[in-house]
Amino acid sequence: MPARMPRRLLMLLCLAVLAAGFAACGEADTKQGVDEAAREGLALPLDGIEYNVFITRELNPQITPDKSYVEPGTEPDAKHTLYGVFLQACNRGKESSQTADGFKIVDNQGNEFEPESLPESNDFAYQPRTLSPHECIPQIGSVAQLGPTAGAMLLFRLPLANTEYRPLELEIEGPSGGHLTFDLDI
């Protein structure tokens, strides 16, 4: 008959394993977005602004509501597709801060894609600017903030083949040269 481990010793051993697991989780969270890509839905700071990628989705300008996101004539050709990255940028600090204007999607092969420029008249377009304390992009109460994505949009035209080179990551470069990286859930 095998010897039984005393119950108290077994309980202490289990607690030690749990504590080690929780400690490892805490270390990973401190590196999210900087040393490793963060998942969508996490709000992370960069140069005084908190960025949160809410959702990334393919857009079809032929249907409602996607017609509202893009200008007429931006339909993709047979070898490309459009993706909207919907994000929020908020100044949670006590001083005005400039938002990022450097964005790119990078696939797992190292290919980089810049967002297409959108006119300022596009209510959903992310437009970099200086935010006052407690101000956000999109502005609270705006069409973009109240819409189904609740975010301002960056529009990317990607070759269809590259959408298979996952994970796709959104890299954000701040005004001072710092950066964040988010895994895009497509």
Protein backbone atom coordinates (compact mmCIF):
# COMPACT_ATOMS: atom_id res chain seq x y z
CA MET A 1 0.00 0.00 0.00
CA PRO A 2 1.57 3.36 -1.04
CA ALA A 3 2.35 5.91 1.67
CA ARG A 4 -0.10 8.80 1.84
CA MET A 5 1.09 12.39 1.85
CA PRO A 6 -0.11 14.23 4.94
CA ARG A 7 -3.10 16.44 4.08
CA ARG A 8 -1.47 19.63 5.40
CA LEU A 9 1.66 19.08 3.26
CA LEU A 10 -0.47 18.43 0.17
CA MET A 11 -2.47 21.61 0.79
CA LEU A 12 0.74 23.69 1.19
CA LEU A 13 2.15 22.22 -2.00
CA CYS A 14 -1.03 23.12 -3.92
CA LEU A 15 -0.97 26.67 -2.54
CA ALA A 16 2.67 27.08 -3.58
CA VAL A 17 1.86 25.97 -7.14
CA LEU A 18 -1.09 28.40 -7.33
CA ALA A 19 0.99 31.28 -5.97
CA ALA A 20 3.72 30.63 -8.57
CA GLY A 21 1.09 30.60 -11.32
CA PHE A 22 -0.42 33.91 -10.19
CA ALA A 23 3.01 35.51 -9.93
CA ALA A 24 3.82 34.48 -13.51
CA CYS A 25 0.53 35.97 -14.74
CA GLY A 26 1.29 39.29 -13.09
CA GLU A 27 4.70 39.48 -14.79
CA ALA A 28 3.17 38.87 -18.22
CA ASP A 29 0.62 41.67 -17.75
CA THR A 30 3.32 44.26 -17.09
CA LYS A 31 4.81 43.59 -20.54
CA GLN A 32 1.54 43.63 -22.52
CA GLY A 33 1.73 45.81 -25.61
CA VAL A 34 5.45 46.58 -25.21
CA ASP A 35 7.44 43.36 -24.92
CA GLU A 36 4.66 41.21 -26.35
CA ALA A 37 1.51 42.02 -28.27
CA ALA A 38 -1.57 42.80 -26.19
CA ARG A 39 -4.95 41.39 -27.07
CA GLU A 40 -7.77 43.58 -28.31
CA GLY A 41 -9.84 45.08 -25.51
CA LEU A 42 -6.95 46.07 -23.23
CA ALA A 43 -6.45 49.79 -22.57
CA LEU A 44 -2.71 50.53 -22.49
CA PRO A 45 -0.85 53.82 -21.95
CA LEU A 46 1.55 55.41 -24.43
CA ASP A 47 2.95 58.94 -24.06
CA GLY A 48 0.14 60.09 -21.77
CA ILE A 49 -2.65 58.62 -23.91
CA GLU A 50 -4.49 55.36 -23.22
CA TYR A 51 -5.16 53.27 -26.36
CA ASN A 52 -7.73 50.51 -26.62
CA VAL A 53 -8.33 48.51 -29.81
CA PHE A 54 -11.99 47.50 -29.53
CA ILE A 55 -12.44 45.44 -32.68
CA THR A 56 -10.92 44.70 -36.07
CA ARG A 57 -13.22 43.62 -38.84
CA GLU A 58 -13.42 43.22 -42.57
CA LEU A 59 -15.43 45.94 -44.28
CA ASN A 60 -17.72 45.54 -47.26
CA PRO A 61 -18.50 48.98 -48.71
CA GLN A 62 -21.38 47.45 -50.71
CA ILE A 63 -23.55 47.00 -47.61
CA THR A 64 -24.99 49.07 -44.80
CA PRO A 65 -23.48 50.06 -42.30
CA ASP A 66 -20.06 49.68 -43.92
CA LYS A 67 -20.97 52.27 -46.58
CA SER A 68 -20.75 54.89 -43.83
CA TYR A 69 -17.18 53.97 -42.90
CA VAL A 70 -15.58 54.50 -46.31
CA GLU A 71 -15.83 56.94 -49.16
CA PRO A 72 -17.39 55.90 -52.49
CA GLY A 73 -14.78 54.42 -54.80
CA THR A 74 -12.68 52.77 -52.09
CA GLU A 75 -13.92 49.28 -52.89
CA PRO A 76 -11.13 46.71 -52.90
CA ASP A 77 -10.14 44.87 -56.07
CA ALA A 78 -10.22 41.07 -56.35
CA LYS A 79 -6.79 40.67 -54.69
CA HIS A 80 -7.37 42.97 -51.70
CA THR A 81 -9.70 43.43 -48.78
CA LEU A 82 -10.47 46.32 -46.43
CA TYR A 83 -10.13 46.08 -42.67
CA GLY A 84 -11.26 48.64 -40.15
CA VAL A 85 -9.36 48.79 -36.88
CA PHE A 86 -11.63 50.53 -34.38
CA LEU A 87 -9.90 52.07 -31.40
CA GLN A 88 -10.22 54.63 -28.67
CA ALA A 89 -7.51 57.05 -27.52
CA CYS A 90 -8.14 58.85 -24.21
CA ASN A 91 -6.14 61.33 -22.20
CA ARG A 92 -6.52 60.13 -18.60
CA GLY A 93 -3.88 62.58 -17.35
CA LYS A 94 -3.93 66.12 -16.04
CA GLU A 95 -2.14 67.78 -18.97
CA SER A 96 -2.80 67.95 -22.72
CA SER A 97 -1.11 65.21 -24.76
CA GLN A 98 -0.59 64.53 -28.46
CA THR A 99 -2.08 61.32 -29.83
CA ALA A 100 -0.14 58.89 -32.00
CA ASP A 101 -0.02 59.31 -35.75
CA GLY A 102 2.17 56.30 -36.56
CA PHE A 103 0.23 53.11 -37.23
CA LYS A 104 0.95 50.00 -39.24
CA ILE A 105 -0.18 46.39 -39.49
CA VAL A 106 2.62 43.82 -39.58
CA ASP A 107 2.01 40.19 -40.58
CA ASN A 108 4.04 37.21 -39.36
CA GLN A 109 6.24 37.43 -42.48
CA GLY A 110 7.32 40.99 -41.61
CA ASN A 111 5.20 42.68 -44.30
CA GLU A 112 4.01 46.13 -43.22
CA PHE A 113 0.85 47.99 -44.21
CA GLU A 114 0.07 51.66 -43.56
CA PRO A 115 -3.50 52.90 -43.04
CA GLU A 116 -5.22 54.72 -45.86
CA SER A 117 -5.80 58.40 -45.26
CA LEU A 118 -9.39 59.34 -44.64
CA PRO A 119 -10.91 62.79 -45.02
CA GLU A 120 -11.57 64.86 -41.90
CA SER A 121 -15.24 64.88 -42.93
CA ASN A 122 -15.43 61.12 -42.22
CA ASP A 123 -17.16 60.90 -38.82
CA PHE A 124 -15.54 57.53 -38.08
CA ALA A 125 -11.94 58.33 -39.08
CA TYR A 126 -9.20 58.45 -36.47
CA GLN A 127 -7.60 61.87 -36.75
CA PRO A 128 -4.53 62.46 -34.54
CA ARG A 129 -4.58 65.61 -32.44
CA THR A 130 -3.81 67.03 -29.02
CA LEU A 131 -6.28 65.87 -26.37
CA SER A 132 -7.13 67.88 -23.29
CA PRO A 133 -7.37 66.03 -19.97
CA HIS A 134 -10.29 63.54 -19.93
CA GLU A 135 -10.86 63.97 -23.68
CA CYS A 136 -11.10 61.01 -26.07
CA ILE A 137 -11.04 60.05 -29.72
CA PRO A 138 -13.75 59.41 -30.69
CA GLN A 139 -15.39 62.24 -28.81
CA ILE A 140 -17.95 61.13 -26.24
CA GLY A 141 -21.42 61.36 -27.77
CA SER A 142 -20.15 61.39 -31.37
CA VAL A 143 -21.52 59.14 -34.10
CA ALA A 144 -18.38 56.98 -33.93
CA GLN A 145 -18.52 56.61 -30.14
CA LEU A 146 -22.23 55.79 -30.15
CA GLY A 147 -21.95 53.44 -33.15
CA PRO A 148 -21.70 49.64 -33.03
CA THR A 149 -17.90 49.65 -32.81
CA ALA A 150 -17.66 52.54 -30.30
CA GLY A 151 -14.30 53.51 -31.80
CA ALA A 152 -12.54 55.69 -34.32
CA MET A 153 -11.43 53.81 -37.43
CA LEU A 154 -8.09 53.21 -39.10
CA LEU A 155 -8.68 51.82 -42.61
CA PHE A 156 -6.25 49.26 -44.03
CA ARG A 157 -6.19 47.76 -47.53
CA LEU A 158 -4.56 44.34 -47.25
CA PRO A 159 -3.68 41.78 -49.91
CA LEU A 160 -5.93 38.75 -49.39
CA ALA A 161 -2.92 36.41 -49.19
CA ASN A 162 -1.45 38.36 -46.29
CA THR A 163 -4.56 37.92 -44.14
CA GLU A 164 -3.44 34.29 -43.80
CA TYR A 165 -0.07 35.34 -42.31
CA ARG A 166 -1.41 35.56 -38.79
CA PRO A 167 -1.12 36.86 -36.25
CA LEU A 168 -1.52 40.32 -37.67
CA GLU A 169 -0.33 42.99 -35.27
CA LEU A 170 -1.15 46.67 -35.06
CA GLU A 171 1.90 48.71 -34.11
CA ILE A 172 1.30 52.17 -32.66
CA GLU A 173 4.21 54.61 -32.48
CA GLY A 174 3.80 57.48 -30.06
CA PRO A 175 5.02 61.05 -30.58
CA SER A 176 8.07 60.45 -28.34
CA GLY A 177 9.07 57.23 -30.13
CA GLY A 178 7.50 54.76 -27.67
CA HIS A 179 5.34 51.99 -29.08
CA LEU A 180 2.50 49.59 -28.37
CA THR A 181 1.56 46.41 -30.21
CA PHE A 182 -1.85 44.74 -30.33
CA ASP A 183 -2.75 41.32 -31.75
CA LEU A 184 -5.61 41.86 -34.20
CA ASP A 185 -8.44 39.37 -33.88
CA ILE A 186 -9.36 38.68 -37.50
